[in-house]
Amino acid sequence: MNQFWKAAAAAVLGLTLSSAALAQSALNEILDSGVLKVGTTGDWNPMTLRDPATNKYKGYDIDITTELANDLGVEVEYVPTDWKTLVNGVVAGQYHITGSASISPPRMKVAGFSDSYIAVELFPFTTRDKVDKFDGYDSINQQDVKVATTLGTTFEKRVREWFPNAEIKVVEAPARGFQEVLAGRADVFITSNIEGSTLQAKFPVVRVKNAGPRAPSPIAMLLPQSDQVWINYVNNWIKVKKAQGFFEQNREKWGL
């Protein structure tokens, strides 16, 4: 076979493989079904919040995924999940994509991530009546201190790393660590700068004194790891939307 026919055969093979990849991609499934399925926890203010009365969602993540569905020309369906099963859901095909999640090596082993569009930093918080008990991270890492966290979150991992001497109180979603502190069953919780600013506006919680930000982490959407067609689409969509100012406008809307 001469070089011309080799090149032609390679081109045909490439087109065949590309068509096969598209046919197997979540992108093709979304376009065929007319529905984008999004896994969301509904418990991370102001990223994703579920109204139990209406079962409707609102938040920064909700605006992003709604916009993604609009640009795809499909409807969006929010699939309830929790933090400990968030990754499993996208791996098992229960949804095509998730809302925002911290990019971490354990998650990267089994799932893909979109490009990042926002970052978080973590801080410890306590209630106003206990603020004078704590001064910096070492004051939290004590046997008589109860630190609350939610099972399966990146916060749980950090709490165990940072406060090995403290009593760690783990609750399961939909319960949250900050609720244990507000109820007086724990002393401290950690959360992101994103959620922390919202909680401070609503509840009598404050940052622990002299405890600066830790673990800066980019966050992104989770996707099926092997679905490069779908990952490419989402990443290029993010680039376009950043250039158009969509992400910045959404951050301003939600006070991030």
Protein backbone atom coordinates (compact mmCIF):
# COMPACT_ATOMS: atom_id res chain seq x y z
CA MET A 1 0.00 0.00 0.00
CA ASN A 2 1.52 3.35 -1.03
CA GLN A 3 1.70 6.37 1.28
CA PHE A 4 -1.44 7.99 -0.17
CA TRP A 5 -3.64 5.00 0.59
CA LYS A 6 -2.05 4.58 4.03
CA ALA A 7 -2.89 8.19 4.84
CA ALA A 8 -6.43 7.78 3.51
CA ALA A 9 -6.97 4.61 5.52
CA ALA A 10 -5.68 6.33 8.65
CA ALA A 11 -8.06 9.25 8.08
CA VAL A 12 -11.04 6.94 7.64
CA LEU A 13 -10.04 4.98 10.74
CA GLY A 14 -9.72 8.23 12.70
CA LEU A 15 -13.19 9.34 11.63
CA THR A 16 -14.61 5.93 12.54
CA LEU A 17 -13.01 6.03 15.99
CA SER A 18 -14.17 9.62 16.55
CA SER A 19 -17.72 8.68 15.59
CA ALA A 20 -17.61 5.67 17.90
CA ALA A 21 -16.30 7.80 20.78
CA LEU A 22 -19.08 10.35 20.25
CA ALA A 23 -21.71 7.61 20.12
CA GLN A 24 -20.50 6.27 23.48
CA SER A 25 -20.13 9.71 25.06
CA ALA A 26 -22.43 11.27 27.63
CA LEU A 27 -22.62 14.22 25.24
CA ASN A 28 -24.43 12.10 22.65
CA GLU A 29 -26.71 10.62 25.31
CA ILE A 30 -27.60 14.10 26.56
CA LEU A 31 -28.37 15.39 23.08
CA ASP A 32 -30.42 12.29 22.19
CA SER A 33 -32.44 12.28 25.42
CA GLY A 34 -32.78 16.06 25.71
CA VAL A 35 -31.83 15.90 29.40
CA LEU A 36 -28.66 16.86 31.27
CA LYS A 37 -28.53 14.97 34.60
CA VAL A 38 -26.65 16.83 37.32
CA GLY A 39 -25.70 15.33 40.68
CA THR A 40 -26.00 17.88 43.48
CA THR A 41 -26.09 17.71 47.28
CA GLY A 42 -28.35 20.71 47.87
CA ASP A 43 -26.62 21.50 51.18
CA TRP A 44 -23.71 23.82 50.33
CA ASN A 45 -24.78 27.43 50.67
CA PRO A 46 -24.52 29.43 48.42
CA MET A 47 -23.39 26.83 45.85
CA THR A 48 -26.40 24.50 45.92
CA LEU A 49 -29.45 24.70 48.15
CA ARG A 50 -32.59 22.57 47.99
CA ASP A 51 -35.90 24.03 49.17
CA PRO A 52 -37.60 21.09 50.96
CA ALA A 53 -41.03 22.65 50.41
CA THR A 54 -40.73 22.78 46.62
CA ASN A 55 -37.85 20.35 46.01
CA LYS A 56 -36.29 23.03 43.78
CA TYR A 57 -32.64 24.03 43.82
CA LYS A 58 -30.90 27.38 43.74
CA GLY A 59 -27.32 28.62 44.02
CA TYR A 60 -24.09 29.31 42.18
CA ASP A 61 -23.78 25.72 40.92
CA ILE A 62 -27.41 25.67 39.85
CA ASP A 63 -26.95 28.77 37.71
CA ILE A 64 -23.86 27.24 36.08
CA THR A 65 -25.45 23.90 35.22
CA THR A 66 -28.68 25.55 34.09
CA GLU A 67 -26.64 27.70 31.71
CA LEU A 68 -24.78 24.62 30.47
CA ALA A 69 -28.09 22.88 29.75
CA ASN A 70 -29.42 25.98 27.97
CA ASP A 71 -26.39 26.10 25.70
CA LEU A 72 -26.75 22.39 24.98
CA GLY A 73 -30.40 23.02 24.11
CA VAL A 74 -31.65 20.48 26.66
CA GLU A 75 -33.52 20.35 29.97
CA VAL A 76 -31.67 19.98 33.25
CA GLU A 77 -32.57 17.32 35.83
CA TYR A 78 -31.05 17.55 39.31
CA VAL A 79 -30.30 14.18 40.88
CA PRO A 80 -30.07 14.28 44.70
CA THR A 81 -26.82 12.90 46.10
CA ASP A 82 -24.61 13.38 49.14
CA TRP A 83 -20.91 13.95 49.64
CA LYS A 84 -19.97 10.37 50.44
CA THR A 85 -21.59 9.06 47.23
CA LEU A 86 -20.99 12.05 44.95
CA VAL A 87 -18.10 10.41 43.07
CA ASN A 88 -19.75 6.99 42.94
CA GLY A 89 -22.80 8.49 41.28
CA VAL A 90 -20.89 9.94 38.34
CA VAL A 91 -18.80 6.74 37.99
CA ALA A 92 -21.97 4.62 37.96
CA GLY A 93 -23.64 6.87 35.37
CA GLN A 94 -26.42 8.11 37.66
CA TYR A 95 -25.73 11.61 36.36
CA HIS A 96 -23.61 13.13 33.59
CA ILE A 97 -21.87 15.77 35.71
CA THR A 98 -21.86 17.14 39.23
CA GLY A 99 -21.89 20.56 40.78
CA SER A 100 -18.69 21.99 42.24
CA ALA A 101 -16.34 19.68 44.13
CA SER A 102 -12.78 20.05 45.37
CA ILE A 103 -10.19 18.56 43.05
CA SER A 104 -8.35 15.90 45.06
CA PRO A 105 -6.02 12.98 44.25
CA PRO A 106 -8.43 10.31 45.61
CA ARG A 107 -11.25 11.59 43.42
CA MET A 108 -8.92 11.93 40.43
CA LYS A 109 -8.20 8.20 40.60
CA VAL A 110 -11.73 7.29 39.56
CA ALA A 111 -13.39 10.36 38.07
CA GLY A 112 -12.60 13.17 35.67
CA PHE A 113 -12.73 16.89 36.41
CA SER A 114 -13.60 19.88 34.33
CA ASP A 115 -11.29 22.89 34.26
CA SER A 116 -11.50 24.86 37.50
CA TYR A 117 -13.50 28.10 37.63
CA ILE A 118 -13.28 29.03 41.33
CA ALA A 119 -11.10 28.15 44.34
CA VAL A 120 -11.75 27.70 48.04
CA GLU A 121 -9.75 28.10 51.23
CA LEU A 122 -10.63 26.50 54.55
CA PHE A 123 -11.06 28.18 57.93
CA PRO A 124 -12.13 26.97 61.39
CA PHE A 125 -15.29 28.51 62.84
CA THR A 126 -16.88 28.54 66.28
CA THR A 127 -19.86 30.26 67.88
CA ARG A 128 -19.60 33.81 69.21
CA ASP A 129 -20.00 32.69 72.81
CA LYS A 130 -16.95 30.40 72.48
CA VAL A 131 -14.70 32.67 70.44
CA ASP A 132 -12.48 33.57 73.42
CA LYS A 133 -11.72 29.87 74.04
CA PHE A 134 -9.70 29.56 70.85
CA ASP A 135 -6.64 31.27 69.44
CA GLY A 136 -5.11 29.60 66.40
CA TYR A 137 -5.06 25.99 65.24
CA ASP A 138 -3.19 24.58 68.24
CA SER A 139 -5.94 25.70 70.59
CA ILE A 140 -8.40 23.52 68.66
CA ASN A 141 -6.17 20.45 68.63
CA GLN A 142 -6.94 19.58 72.27
CA GLN A 143 -8.58 16.56 73.89
CA ASP A 144 -11.39 18.62 75.43
CA VAL A 145 -12.41 20.17 72.09
CA LYS A 146 -15.10 18.64 69.88
CA VAL A 147 -14.71 19.24 66.16
CA ALA A 148 -17.70 18.44 63.97
CA THR A 149 -17.59 17.44 60.32
CA THR A 150 -19.70 15.71 57.68
CA LEU A 151 -18.89 12.19 56.52
CA GLY A 152 -17.33 11.85 53.08
CA THR A 153 -16.38 15.49 52.59
CA THR A 154 -12.90 16.88 52.07
CA PHE A 155 -13.55 18.71 55.35
CA GLU A 156 -13.60 15.37 57.20
CA LYS A 157 -10.15 14.47 55.84
CA ARG A 158 -8.72 17.86 56.84
CA VAL A 159 -10.24 17.74 60.34
CA ARG A 160 -8.59 14.37 61.00
CA GLU A 161 -5.24 15.67 59.71
CA TRP A 162 -5.26 18.98 61.55
CA PHE A 163 -6.83 18.03 64.88
CA PRO A 164 -5.72 14.46 65.75
CA ASN A 165 -5.89 15.17 69.49
CA ALA A 166 -9.41 16.61 69.42
CA GLU A 167 -12.62 14.62 69.64
CA ILE A 168 -13.91 14.30 66.06
CA LYS A 169 -17.67 14.16 65.74
CA VAL A 170 -18.73 12.88 62.31
CA VAL A 171 -22.31 13.31 61.12
CA GLU A 172 -23.89 11.92 57.97
CA ALA A 173 -25.51 14.04 55.30
CA PRO A 174 -27.94 15.72 55.17
CA ALA A 175 -26.68 16.73 58.64
CA ARG A 176 -23.80 19.18 58.58
CA GLY A 177 -20.91 19.86 60.92
CA PHE A 178 -21.86 23.48 61.49
CA GLN A 179 -25.31 22.40 62.72
CA GLU A 180 -23.66 20.38 65.50
CA VAL A 181 -21.76 23.48 66.61
CA LEU A 182 -24.87 25.67 66.51
CA ALA A 183 -26.72 23.08 68.59
CA GLY A 184 -23.95 23.09 71.21
CA ARG A 185 -22.94 19.47 70.59
CA ALA A 186 -19.52 20.49 69.22
CA ASP A 187 -17.18 23.46 69.53
CA VAL A 188 -15.60 23.97 66.12
CA PHE A 189 -16.22 23.15 62.47
CA ILE A 190 -14.24 23.93 59.35
CA THR A 191 -15.64 25.11 56.08
CA SER A 192 -14.70 27.09 53.02
CA ASN A 193 -14.49 30.84 52.66
CA ILE A 194 -17.46 30.42 50.30
CA GLU A 195 -19.85 28.83 52.77
CA GLY A 196 -18.36 30.57 55.80
CA SER A 197 -19.30 34.07 54.65
CA THR A 198 -22.89 32.95 54.14
CA LEU A 199 -23.10 31.23 57.53
CA GLN A 200 -21.69 34.28 59.31
CA ALA A 201 -24.43 36.41 57.80
CA LYS A 202 -27.17 34.04 59.03
CA PHE A 203 -25.90 32.53 62.29
CA PRO A 204 -23.84 33.53 65.37
CA VAL A 205 -20.63 31.93 64.04
CA VAL A 206 -17.21 33.53 63.59
CA ARG A 207 -13.78 32.50 62.41
CA VAL A 208 -11.39 31.28 65.08
CA LYS A 209 -8.92 34.04 65.91
CA ASN A 210 -5.44 33.82 64.39
CA ALA A 211 -6.37 30.77 62.33
CA GLY A 212 -5.55 31.75 58.78
CA PRO A 213 -6.65 30.07 55.57
CA ARG A 214 -5.43 26.57 54.81
CA ALA A 215 -5.64 24.04 51.99
CA PRO A 216 -6.37 26.37 49.06
CA SER A 217 -8.07 24.14 46.52
CA PRO A 218 -9.43 24.64 43.01
CA ILE A 219 -12.93 23.29 42.54
CA ALA A 220 -14.57 21.98 39.40
CA MET A 221 -17.30 19.69 38.11
CA LEU A 222 -16.91 15.89 38.19
CA LEU A 223 -17.41 13.93 34.95
CA PRO A 224 -16.86 10.33 33.79
CA GLN A 225 -13.10 9.83 33.71
CA SER A 226 -12.85 8.07 30.35
CA ASP A 227 -15.30 10.30 28.47
CA GLN A 228 -12.86 12.69 26.80
CA VAL A 229 -15.48 13.90 24.30
CA TRP A 230 -17.74 15.13 27.11
CA ILE A 231 -14.80 16.52 29.12
CA ASN A 232 -13.57 18.46 26.07
CA TYR A 233 -17.01 19.91 25.48
CA VAL A 234 -17.39 21.10 29.07
CA ASN A 235 -13.86 22.54 29.24
CA ASN A 236 -14.31 24.51 26.04
CA TRP A 237 -17.71 25.68 27.27
CA ILE A 238 -16.03 26.98 30.44
CA LYS A 239 -13.45 28.87 28.34
CA VAL A 240 -16.18 30.50 26.28
CA LYS A 241 -18.23 31.45 29.33
CA LYS A 242 -15.20 32.88 31.12
CA ALA A 243 -14.42 35.03 28.10
CA GLN A 244 -18.03 36.26 28.06
CA GLY A 245 -17.91 37.20 31.76
CA PHE A 246 -20.53 34.67 32.84
CA PHE A 247 -18.53 33.18 35.73
CA GLU A 248 -17.56 36.58 37.11
CA GLN A 249 -21.17 37.79 36.97
CA ASN A 250 -22.32 34.65 38.74
CA ARG A 251 -19.73 35.11 41.48
CA GLU A 252 -20.91 38.65 42.06
CA LYS A 253 -24.55 37.55 42.14
CA TRP A 254 -23.86 35.08 44.95
CA GLY A 255 -21.36 37.25 46.83
CA LEU A 256 -18.33 35.03 46.23
